[in-house]
Every structure is written in structure tokens, then in C-alpha cells.
């Protein structure tokens, strides 16, 4: 049997910091610094509109997404779960203090202490899911 060398603590940290410091960050420089620290250079982001590869493209996507919801906050729902080199976290996004406008799950794969892949699942009942899947990425 192969054992993962990734620590559960690091995977939980990556889930939380990515949610807040990448997708929840409005400052372009802070977001980019977090991406460089948390994500592998060849990382892949899987989102409803398509597949995004590499730190530069992930930074552009996260910044563009943030610009559509500049006043939204991301709130974890429950505790992150870790299995081997992967983790998942449920979250909601919306104006601070209000019910979430949309919800979803982040599922990430970690390699050498960094995010190698992130799968973002939006709950299908949200307008955000319908908008994201209406216009697939080129």
C-alpha cells in the first residue's frame, strides 16, 4: 500500500487559505502572492466553464471572478475533510452577514505541499451554477 506524504494539517490549510486568500482576495498583488505560495506551477483548476492551467491563468480567472462579486465573502460550511493527498471543503459565497448567494465544494489534490489540482463544484440550485455552465470557456 502506498502512503501519502502530504500532511492532513497542510491540506486543511491549503483549503482554507485558497478560499480566502485566492478566491476571496480583492487585492491583485496579495492574491498573486498567495497563488505563488499555495499552487504548483503546473496546477490545474477545474471549474464549470472549463479547465484552467498554470498560475497565470488561475490568477486571471480568480481576479475576473472576484471582480464580478467584489463585496462577497466565502464562508466555510463545516470542517474540511482529508483523505490521503486530497481534501474537500463545502463553502458559501454572498454578502457578509447574509445568506449565501451560491454554494459549492472545493476538492483539491496536493503534491509536494502545494495545490496540484482543484475541482470546484457549484451546487446546481444556484444562479451562479446556471451562469457558469451557460457559457463554456474557449
Protein backbone atom coordinates (compact mmCIF):
# COMPACT_ATOMS: atom_id res chain seq x y z
CA UNK A 1 0.00 0.00 0.00
CA UNK A 2 1.23 3.50 -0.86
CA UNK A 3 1.03 6.07 1.91
CA UNK A 4 0.58 9.78 1.21
CA UNK A 5 3.39 12.05 2.31
CA UNK A 6 1.08 15.07 2.46
CA UNK A 7 0.08 16.14 5.95
CA UNK A 8 -3.59 16.48 6.81
CA UNK A 9 -2.79 19.79 8.51
CA UNK A 10 -1.23 21.21 5.33
CA UNK A 11 -4.17 20.07 3.19
CA UNK A 12 -6.63 21.77 5.57
CA UNK A 13 -4.50 24.91 5.48
CA UNK A 14 -4.48 24.91 1.67
CA UNK A 15 -8.26 24.53 1.53
CA UNK A 16 -8.83 27.44 3.89
CA UNK A 17 -6.16 29.77 2.55
CA UNK A 18 -7.11 29.18 -1.08
CA UNK A 19 -10.73 30.02 -0.33
CA UNK A 20 -9.85 33.24 1.50
CA UNK A 21 -6.54 34.41 0.02
CA UNK A 22 -7.08 33.46 -3.61
CA UNK A 23 -10.80 33.47 -4.39
CA UNK A 24 -11.78 35.82 -1.56
CA UNK A 25 -8.98 38.34 -2.08
CA UNK A 26 -9.69 41.61 -3.90
CA UNK A 27 -6.11 42.90 -3.94
CA UNK A 28 -4.38 41.66 -7.10
CA UNK A 29 -0.88 41.63 -5.57
CA UNK A 30 -1.93 39.74 -2.42
CA UNK A 31 -3.89 37.22 -4.49
CA UNK A 32 -0.92 36.59 -6.79
CA UNK A 33 1.45 36.16 -3.85
CA UNK A 34 -0.93 33.59 -2.35
CA UNK A 35 -1.19 31.72 -5.66
CA UNK A 36 2.60 31.57 -5.95
CA UNK A 37 2.85 30.23 -2.40
CA UNK A 38 -0.07 27.79 -2.44
CA UNK A 39 -0.30 26.47 -6.01
CA UNK A 40 2.11 24.28 -8.00
CA UNK A 41 3.45 25.95 -11.16
CA UNK A 42 1.65 23.44 -13.39
CA UNK A 43 -1.55 23.38 -11.33
CA UNK A 44 -4.92 22.74 -12.95
CA UNK A 45 -8.20 24.37 -11.94
CA UNK A 46 -11.40 22.58 -12.97
CA UNK A 47 -14.44 24.90 -12.90
CA UNK A 48 -17.85 24.67 -14.58
CA UNK A 49 -16.85 26.91 -17.51
CA UNK A 50 -13.73 24.85 -18.30
CA UNK A 51 -10.18 23.82 -17.38
CA UNK A 52 -7.58 26.42 -16.43
CA UNK A 53 -3.88 25.53 -16.40
CA UNK A 54 -0.99 27.31 -14.69
CA UNK A 55 -0.62 30.02 -12.08
CA UNK A 56 -1.01 32.93 -14.51
CA UNK A 57 -4.30 31.63 -15.88
CA UNK A 58 -5.57 30.76 -12.39
CA UNK A 59 -4.70 34.27 -11.22
CA UNK A 60 -6.59 35.80 -14.15
CA UNK A 61 -9.62 33.60 -13.55
CA UNK A 62 -9.71 34.29 -9.80
CA UNK A 63 -9.33 38.04 -10.37
CA UNK A 64 -12.06 38.11 -13.01
CA UNK A 65 -14.38 36.11 -10.76
CA UNK A 66 -13.64 38.38 -7.81
CA UNK A 67 -14.46 41.45 -9.94
CA UNK A 68 -17.98 40.08 -10.55
CA UNK A 69 -18.61 39.80 -6.78
CA UNK A 70 -16.28 42.31 -5.09
CA UNK A 71 -18.30 42.53 -1.86
CA UNK A 72 -18.90 38.78 -1.42
CA UNK A 73 -17.16 36.73 1.25
CA UNK A 74 -16.51 32.99 1.25
CA UNK A 75 -17.66 31.14 4.33
CA UNK A 76 -16.64 27.52 5.01
CA UNK A 77 -19.53 25.21 5.86
CA UNK A 78 -18.33 22.59 8.30
CA UNK A 79 -14.83 21.24 8.66
CA UNK A 80 -12.56 20.25 5.78
CA UNK A 81 -12.15 16.55 5.16
CA UNK A 82 -8.83 14.99 4.20
CA UNK A 83 -8.10 11.66 2.53
CA UNK A 84 -4.52 10.76 1.56
CA UNK A 85 -3.33 13.63 -0.69
CA UNK A 86 -6.79 15.18 -1.20
CA UNK A 87 -9.17 17.37 0.70
CA UNK A 88 -12.63 18.82 0.34
CA UNK A 89 -14.41 21.80 1.81
CA UNK A 90 -18.01 22.99 1.47
CA UNK A 91 -18.49 26.76 1.29
CA UNK A 92 -20.98 29.50 0.58
CA UNK A 93 -20.50 32.90 -1.01
CA UNK A 94 -22.50 36.07 -0.66
CA UNK A 95 -22.60 39.45 1.05
CA UNK A 96 -21.13 39.38 4.56
CA UNK A 97 -23.79 38.60 7.18
CA UNK A 98 -26.35 37.48 4.58
CA UNK A 99 -27.36 34.03 3.39
CA UNK A 100 -25.05 32.73 0.65
CA UNK A 101 -26.00 33.59 -2.91
CA UNK A 102 -24.35 30.37 -4.07
CA UNK A 103 -22.70 27.34 -2.51
CA UNK A 104 -20.29 24.66 -3.57
CA UNK A 105 -17.41 22.34 -2.79
CA UNK A 106 -13.68 22.62 -3.33
CA UNK A 107 -11.87 19.32 -3.83
CA UNK A 108 -8.13 19.61 -4.12
CA UNK A 109 -5.20 17.33 -4.81
CA UNK A 110 -1.90 18.19 -3.16
CA UNK A 111 1.58 17.43 -4.45
CA UNK A 112 4.74 18.45 -2.59
CA UNK A 113 2.74 20.62 -0.19
CA UNK A 114 1.05 22.68 -2.95
CA UNK A 115 -2.25 22.55 -4.78
CA UNK A 116 -1.73 20.45 -7.91
CA UNK A 117 -5.41 20.39 -8.90
CA UNK A 118 -8.60 21.97 -7.65
CA UNK A 119 -12.09 20.85 -8.67
CA UNK A 120 -14.78 23.43 -7.93
CA UNK A 121 -18.29 22.03 -7.74
CA UNK A 122 -21.09 24.61 -7.66
CA UNK A 123 -24.39 23.45 -6.23
CA UNK A 124 -26.74 23.15 -9.18
CA UNK A 125 -29.56 25.04 -7.48
CA UNK A 126 -27.70 28.36 -7.65
CA UNK A 127 -27.88 31.09 -10.30
CA UNK A 128 -24.06 31.08 -10.29
CA UNK A 129 -24.07 27.45 -11.48
CA UNK A 130 -26.51 28.25 -14.29
CA UNK A 131 -24.45 31.28 -15.34
CA UNK A 132 -21.13 29.41 -15.18
CA UNK A 133 -22.38 26.50 -17.26
CA UNK A 134 -24.22 28.63 -19.82
CA UNK A 135 -21.02 29.95 -21.40
CA UNK A 136 -18.28 27.32 -21.58
CA UNK A 137 -14.70 28.59 -21.67
CA UNK A 138 -12.99 28.61 -25.05
